[in-house]
């Protein structure tokens, strides 16, 4: 089990509605499920 990373925040993909955690410093943030860059921070 991964430890909680305080640098990661939740994003939601506008294409496939997938909710995932990613480091917002990574740019562009891509959806790990469909690869879309159309994501919003939640």
Protein backbone atom coordinates (compact mmCIF):
# COMPACT_ATOMS: atom_id res chain seq x y z
CA UNK A 1 0.00 0.00 0.00
CA UNK A 2 1.31 3.41 -0.97
CA UNK A 3 1.81 6.03 1.69
CA UNK A 4 -0.27 9.18 1.42
CA UNK A 5 1.56 11.79 -0.63
CA UNK A 6 0.64 15.32 0.53
CA UNK A 7 1.82 16.72 -2.82
CA UNK A 8 -0.92 14.91 -4.71
CA UNK A 9 -4.43 16.27 -5.18
CA UNK A 10 -7.58 14.87 -6.76
CA UNK A 11 -8.36 15.48 -10.41
CA UNK A 12 -11.40 14.45 -12.45
CA UNK A 13 -11.25 13.71 -16.15
CA UNK A 14 -13.85 15.60 -18.20
CA UNK A 15 -13.67 12.95 -20.93
CA UNK A 16 -14.28 9.71 -19.04
CA UNK A 17 -15.23 11.04 -15.55
CA UNK A 18 -12.36 9.10 -13.91
CA UNK A 19 -11.28 10.44 -10.49
CA UNK A 20 -7.58 10.11 -9.70
CA UNK A 21 -4.78 11.56 -7.61
CA UNK A 22 -1.81 13.27 -9.23
CA UNK A 23 0.90 15.73 -8.36
CA UNK A 24 -0.23 19.13 -9.74
CA UNK A 25 3.42 20.03 -10.38
CA UNK A 26 3.38 17.54 -13.27
CA UNK A 27 2.27 19.29 -16.42
CA UNK A 28 0.30 18.45 -18.35
CA UNK A 29 -1.75 16.29 -16.00
CA UNK A 30 -3.15 13.36 -18.00
CA UNK A 31 -5.90 10.94 -17.09
CA UNK A 32 -4.35 7.53 -16.37
CA UNK A 33 -7.46 5.80 -17.70
CA UNK A 34 -8.00 7.42 -21.12
CA UNK A 35 -4.92 9.66 -21.54
CA UNK A 36 -6.90 12.89 -21.92
CA UNK A 37 -5.44 16.19 -20.76
CA UNK A 38 -8.94 17.59 -20.22
CA UNK A 39 -8.88 17.30 -16.41
CA UNK A 40 -10.04 19.55 -13.59
CA UNK A 41 -8.75 19.77 -10.04
CA UNK A 42 -11.35 18.79 -7.46
